[in-house]
C-alpha atoms as a PDB file:
ATOM      1  CA  MET A   1      -3.517  -8.516  15.458  1.00  0.00           C
ATOM      2  CA  THR A   2      -4.633 -12.059  14.698  1.00  0.00           C
ATOM      3  CA  PHE A   3      -5.321 -13.387  11.216  1.00  0.00           C
ATOM      4  CA  ASP A   4      -9.062 -13.156  11.913  1.00  0.00           C
ATOM      5  CA  ASP A   5      -8.668  -9.510  13.040  1.00  0.00           C
ATOM      6  CA  ALA A   6      -6.730  -8.757   9.853  1.00  0.00           C
ATOM      7  CA  LEU A   7      -9.396 -10.432   7.734  1.00  0.00           C
ATOM      8  CA  THR A   8     -12.142  -8.459   9.483  1.00  0.00           C
ATOM      9  CA  GLY A   9     -10.202  -5.218   8.940  1.00  0.00           C
ATOM     10  CA  LEU A  10      -9.605  -6.028   5.279  1.00  0.00           C
ATOM     11  CA  LEU A  11     -13.253  -6.899   4.640  1.00  0.00           C
ATOM     12  CA  ALA A  12     -14.290  -3.636   6.339  1.00  0.00           C
ATOM     13  CA  LEU A  13     -12.452  -1.829   3.502  1.00  0.00           C
ATOM     14  CA  VAL A  14     -14.525  -3.485   0.747  1.00  0.00           C
ATOM     15  CA  GLY A  15     -16.073  -0.767  -1.405  1.00  0.00           C
ATOM     16  CA  ARG A  16     -13.396   1.800  -0.450  1.00  0.00           C
ATOM     17  CA  ARG A  17     -10.618   3.152  -2.645  1.00  0.00           C
ATOM     18  CA  VAL A  18      -7.228   1.969  -1.391  1.00  0.00           C
ATOM     19  CA  ASP A  19      -3.557   2.195  -2.288  1.00  0.00           C
ATOM     20  CA  VAL A  20      -1.493  -0.941  -1.707  1.00  0.00           C
ATOM     21  CA  HIS A  21       2.263  -0.735  -1.109  1.00  0.00           C
ATOM     22  CA  VAL A  22       4.268  -3.960  -0.955  1.00  0.00           C
ATOM     23  CA  VAL A  23       7.663  -3.715   0.755  1.00  0.00           C
ATOM     24  CA  SER A  24      10.251  -6.450   1.238  1.00  0.00           C
ATOM     25  CA  ALA A  25      10.599  -7.243   4.935  1.00  0.00           C
ATOM     26  CA  GLY A  26      14.268  -8.238   4.736  1.00  0.00           C
ATOM     27  CA  GLU A  27      17.381  -6.623   6.215  1.00  0.00           C
ATOM     28  CA  SER A  28      17.313  -3.844   3.609  1.00  0.00           C
ATOM     29  CA  PRO A  29      13.617  -3.122   2.961  1.00  0.00           C
ATOM     30  CA  TYR A  30      12.672  -1.828  -0.481  1.00  0.00           C
ATOM     31  CA  LEU A  31       9.444  -1.093  -2.334  1.00  0.00           C
ATOM     32  CA  VAL A  32       8.391  -4.108  -4.392  1.00  0.00           C
ATOM     33  CA  ALA A  33       5.103  -2.873  -5.875  1.00  0.00           C
ATOM     34  CA  THR A  34       2.403  -0.266  -5.526  1.00  0.00           C
ATOM     35  CA  PHE A  35      -1.095  -0.266  -6.999  1.00  0.00           C
ATOM     36  CA  GLY A  36      -4.578   0.838  -6.071  1.00  0.00           C
ATOM     37  CA  GLY A  37      -8.260   0.827  -6.820  1.00  0.00           C
ATOM     38  CA  VAL A  38     -11.573  -0.021  -5.206  1.00  0.00           C
ATOM     39  CA  LEU A  39     -11.476  -3.061  -2.940  1.00  0.00           C
ATOM     40  CA  ARG A  40     -14.106  -5.594  -3.982  1.00  0.00           C
ATOM     41  CA  ALA A  41     -15.363  -8.712  -2.217  1.00  0.00           C
ATOM     42  CA  GLY A  42     -13.201 -11.755  -2.706  1.00  0.00           C
ATOM     43  CA  HIS A  43     -13.420 -15.401  -1.828  1.00  0.00           C
ATOM     44  CA  SER A  44     -11.710 -18.166   0.098  1.00  0.00           C
ATOM     45  CA  MET A  45      -9.482 -20.381  -2.004  1.00  0.00           C
ATOM     46  CA  THR A  46     -10.090 -23.376   0.268  1.00  0.00           C
ATOM     47  CA  GLY A  47     -13.899 -23.215   0.263  1.00  0.00           C
ATOM     48  CA  GLY A  48     -15.994 -24.453   3.159  1.00  0.00           C
ATOM     49  CA  GLU A  49     -14.832 -24.007   6.728  1.00  0.00           C
ATOM     50  CA  PRO A  50     -11.630 -22.010   7.411  1.00  0.00           C
ATOM     51  CA  THR A  51      -8.492 -24.132   7.784  1.00  0.00           C
ATOM     52  CA  GLU A  52      -4.886 -23.586   8.902  1.00  0.00           C
ATOM     53  CA  ASN A  53      -3.927 -23.046   5.253  1.00  0.00           C
ATOM     54  CA  GLU A  54      -6.751 -20.653   4.428  1.00  0.00           C
ATOM     55  CA  SER A  55      -6.124 -18.062   1.703  1.00  0.00           C
ATOM     56  CA  ILE A  56      -8.476 -15.191   0.979  1.00  0.00           C
ATOM     57  CA  PHE A  57      -8.275 -13.331  -2.326  1.00  0.00           C
ATOM     58  CA  VAL A  58      -9.774  -9.841  -2.441  1.00  0.00           C
ATOM     59  CA  ARG A  59     -10.144  -8.125  -5.803  1.00  0.00           C
ATOM     60  CA  ILE A  60      -8.988  -4.592  -6.542  1.00  0.00           C
ATOM     61  CA  ASP A  61     -10.915  -2.873  -9.307  1.00  0.00           C
ATOM     62  CA  ALA A  62      -8.755  -0.296 -11.095  1.00  0.00           C
ATOM     63  CA  GLU A  63     -10.868   0.058 -14.247  1.00  0.00           C
ATOM     64  CA  PRO A  64     -10.207  -1.237 -16.811  1.00  0.00           C
ATOM     65  CA  GLU A  65      -7.728  -3.487 -15.004  1.00  0.00           C
ATOM     66  CA  THR A  66      -8.453  -5.812 -12.096  1.00  0.00           C
ATOM     67  CA  GLY A  67      -5.957  -7.120  -9.569  1.00  0.00           C
ATOM     68  CA  SER A  68      -6.091  -8.960  -6.293  1.00  0.00           C
ATOM     69  CA  ILE A  69      -4.344  -9.325  -2.982  1.00  0.00           C
ATOM     70  CA  SER A  70      -4.049 -12.499  -0.974  1.00  0.00           C
ATOM     71  CA  LEU A  71      -4.279 -12.886   2.779  1.00  0.00           C
ATOM     72  CA  ASN A  72      -2.880 -16.322   3.590  1.00  0.00           C
ATOM     73  CA  ARG A  73      -3.262 -17.749   7.106  1.00  0.00           C
ATOM     74  CA  GLU A  74      -0.205 -19.983   6.695  1.00  0.00           C
ATOM     75  CA  VAL A  75       2.245 -17.124   5.941  1.00  0.00           C
ATOM     76  CA  TYR A  76       0.547 -14.411   8.041  1.00  0.00           C
ATOM     77  CA  ARG A  77       3.019 -13.080  10.637  1.00  0.00           C
ATOM     78  CA  GLY A  78       1.126 -10.132  12.157  1.00  0.00           C
ATOM     79  CA  GLY A  79      -0.432  -6.800  11.436  1.00  0.00           C
ATOM     80  CA  ILE A  80      -1.350  -3.344  12.644  1.00  0.00           C
ATOM     81  CA  SER A  81      -4.691  -1.601  12.286  1.00  0.00           C
ATOM     82  CA  HIS A  82      -4.359   2.170  11.896  1.00  0.00           C
ATOM     83  CA  GLU A  83      -6.882   4.775  13.123  1.00  0.00           C
ATOM     84  CA  ASP A  84      -8.151   5.543   9.609  1.00  0.00           C
ATOM     85  CA  GLY A  85      -8.848   1.847   8.912  1.00  0.00           C
ATOM     86  CA  SER A  86      -5.647   1.285   6.944  1.00  0.00           C
ATOM     87  CA  LEU A  87      -3.788  -1.953   7.599  1.00  0.00           C
ATOM     88  CA  THR A  88      -0.155  -2.997   7.677  1.00  0.00           C
ATOM     89  CA  LEU A  89       0.156  -6.763   7.243  1.00  0.00           C
ATOM     90  CA  GLN A  90       3.286  -8.902   7.419  1.00  0.00           C
ATOM     91  CA  LEU A  91       3.019 -11.899   5.129  1.00  0.00           C
ATOM     92  CA  GLY A  92       6.106 -14.083   4.906  1.00  0.00           C
ATOM     93  CA  GLY A  93       8.915 -11.942   3.466  1.00  0.00           C
ATOM     94  CA  VAL A  94       6.830  -8.873   2.645  1.00  0.00           C
ATOM     95  CA  GLU A  95       4.849  -6.189   4.412  1.00  0.00           C
ATOM     96  CA  MET A  96       1.750  -4.851   2.741  1.00  0.00           C
ATOM     97  CA  LEU A  97       0.318  -1.437   3.591  1.00  0.00           C
ATOM     98  CA  ILE A  98      -3.308  -1.169   2.517  1.00  0.00           C
ATOM     99  CA  ALA A  99      -3.952   2.553   2.834  1.00  0.00           C
ATOM    100  CA  VAL A 100      -7.373   4.127   2.622  1.00  0.00           C
ATOM    101  CA  ARG A 101      -7.238   6.773  -0.084  1.00  0.00           C
ATOM    102  CA  GLY A 102      -8.790  10.147   0.716  1.00  0.00           C
ATOM    103  CA  GLU A 103     -12.241  10.442  -0.832  1.00  0.00           C
END
C-alpha cells in the first residue's frame, strides 16, 4: 500500500469511531499506546501541493478530549488495508492499527 493509498484509506474513516493501537516495531514489539474516538478531518502540515516530506494530521474527537494522529510521507514504510476498512500502518519505528469500532 502506497502512502497515497494509506491516506485515502484513512480519510475514508473520517466520521467513524475508531480505536488506535500503537505498537513498537522493534525486535520485541510492545504496546506503546491505545486511544480512540471519532476520526475528524485533519490538515496537511506543509500546505499547498504535497511534497516528499508531507505530514497529515487527523483529529480524533474523544469528548471532552481531542487527540490526533500523524501520517508522515517521509517515515511511512508501508501498510495493510483490512476488509472492514481498518488500517495497519508502519511509520518509522512503530506500527499503528486504526481499527473501526463496531457501531
